[in-house]
Amino acid sequence: EHKIASHCQVGDEECIKMHFEVERALLFPTGRDLLKQIDEDVQNRKTLLAALQRHNIEYVKVTYEKLYNSQSSEEWMRIFKHLGRGPSVGLTMKEVTRAMG
């Protein structure tokens, strides 16, 4: 049984290679199956948001792209501010990257 870390350290080529091997083994739906899965995902999100709102549960909506593919740390600070923990001002992407190891 092989175990791999959920995230690789920067420059850890062996870890990165293992992640690519696992990625190649994954099968994703196509065609009608893909469309069905997307429709189900959209409906599940609507159901979840409706439940959060119905029960007056506060939440913050962020996107993967703004967290990981941006030069700005604004999304990270929004999360920290919402949680009331960590830096909600003055955080840099360099600090975010360093904290992820």
Protein backbone atom coordinates (compact mmCIF):
# COMPACT_ATOMS: atom_id res chain seq x y z
CA GLU A 1 0.00 0.00 0.00
CA HIS A 2 1.41 3.38 -1.02
CA LYS A 3 0.58 6.59 0.74
CA ILE A 4 1.25 10.02 -0.69
CA ALA A 5 0.95 13.40 0.95
CA SER A 6 -2.08 15.52 0.08
CA HIS A 7 0.30 18.32 -0.97
CA CYS A 8 3.87 18.25 -2.23
CA GLN A 9 6.62 20.48 -0.94
CA VAL A 10 7.96 22.93 -3.50
CA GLY A 11 10.66 21.16 -5.51
CA ASP A 12 9.80 17.63 -4.27
CA GLU A 13 9.99 15.98 -7.70
CA GLU A 14 9.33 12.45 -6.40
CA CYS A 15 6.11 13.56 -4.70
CA ILE A 16 5.02 15.50 -7.79
CA LYS A 17 5.68 12.44 -9.99
CA MET A 18 3.54 10.27 -7.70
CA HIS A 19 0.70 12.80 -7.89
CA PHE A 20 0.83 12.76 -11.71
CA GLU A 21 0.69 8.96 -11.71
CA VAL A 22 -2.41 9.00 -9.51
CA GLU A 23 -3.96 11.71 -11.66
CA ARG A 24 -3.54 9.62 -14.81
CA ALA A 25 -5.37 6.74 -13.12
CA LEU A 26 -8.48 8.83 -12.45
CA LEU A 27 -11.34 8.53 -14.90
CA PHE A 28 -13.62 11.48 -15.46
CA PRO A 29 -17.04 11.33 -17.07
CA THR A 30 -17.59 12.64 -20.58
CA GLY A 31 -20.57 13.43 -22.78
CA ARG A 32 -24.00 12.85 -21.24
CA ASP A 33 -22.49 11.48 -18.02
CA LEU A 34 -20.48 14.68 -17.58
CA LEU A 35 -23.54 16.86 -18.20
CA LYS A 36 -25.55 14.80 -15.70
CA GLN A 37 -22.82 15.17 -13.09
CA ILE A 38 -22.62 18.94 -13.66
CA ASP A 39 -26.41 19.28 -13.34
CA GLU A 40 -26.36 17.28 -10.10
CA ASP A 41 -23.51 19.41 -8.75
CA VAL A 42 -25.39 22.63 -9.53
CA GLN A 43 -28.52 21.29 -7.81
CA ASN A 44 -26.53 20.14 -4.76
CA ARG A 45 -24.96 23.60 -4.43
CA LYS A 46 -28.37 25.28 -4.63
CA THR A 47 -29.74 22.90 -1.99
CA LEU A 48 -26.78 23.55 0.32
CA LEU A 49 -26.99 27.34 -0.05
CA ALA A 50 -30.73 27.26 0.57
CA ALA A 51 -30.18 25.25 3.77
CA LEU A 52 -27.48 27.64 4.99
CA GLN A 53 -29.75 30.61 4.36
CA ARG A 54 -32.82 28.92 5.87
CA HIS A 55 -30.90 28.28 9.10
CA ASN A 56 -29.24 31.73 9.09
CA ILE A 57 -25.78 30.18 8.89
CA GLU A 58 -23.14 32.70 7.90
CA TYR A 59 -20.70 31.62 5.22
CA VAL A 60 -18.11 33.12 2.92
CA LYS A 61 -18.00 32.20 -0.75
CA VAL A 62 -14.53 31.89 -2.26
CA THR A 63 -13.17 30.35 -5.43
CA TYR A 64 -10.27 28.00 -5.99
CA GLU A 65 -8.97 30.27 -8.73
CA LYS A 66 -8.80 33.30 -6.46
CA LEU A 67 -7.15 31.28 -3.70
CA TYR A 68 -4.52 29.47 -5.74
CA ASN A 69 -4.22 31.21 -9.12
CA SER A 70 -4.06 34.81 -8.03
CA GLN A 71 -1.28 37.18 -7.05
CA SER A 72 -3.59 38.68 -4.42
CA SER A 73 -4.16 37.34 -0.91
CA GLU A 74 -7.60 39.00 -0.61
CA GLU A 75 -9.54 35.71 -0.63
CA TRP A 76 -7.35 34.29 2.13
CA MET A 77 -7.88 37.39 4.26
CA ARG A 78 -11.64 37.20 3.66
CA ILE A 79 -11.63 33.63 5.01
CA PHE A 80 -9.56 34.59 8.06
CA LYS A 81 -11.79 37.58 8.74
CA HIS A 82 -14.91 35.40 8.49
CA LEU A 83 -13.40 32.85 10.88
CA GLY A 84 -12.15 35.54 13.24
CA ARG A 85 -8.68 33.95 13.21
CA GLY A 86 -5.45 34.66 11.42
CA PRO A 87 -4.49 37.77 9.48
CA SER A 88 -7.40 39.68 7.94
CA VAL A 89 -5.21 42.57 6.78
CA GLY A 90 -1.69 42.88 5.41
CA LEU A 91 -1.25 39.24 4.39
CA THR A 92 0.95 38.67 1.34
CA MET A 93 0.89 35.77 -1.13
CA LYS A 94 4.52 35.13 -0.20
CA GLU A 95 3.37 34.49 3.38
CA VAL A 96 0.52 32.27 2.16
CA THR A 97 2.89 30.23 0.00
CA ARG A 98 5.44 29.92 2.82
CA ALA A 99 2.74 28.75 5.26
CA MET A 100 1.71 25.95 2.88
CA GLY A 101 5.22 24.58 3.04
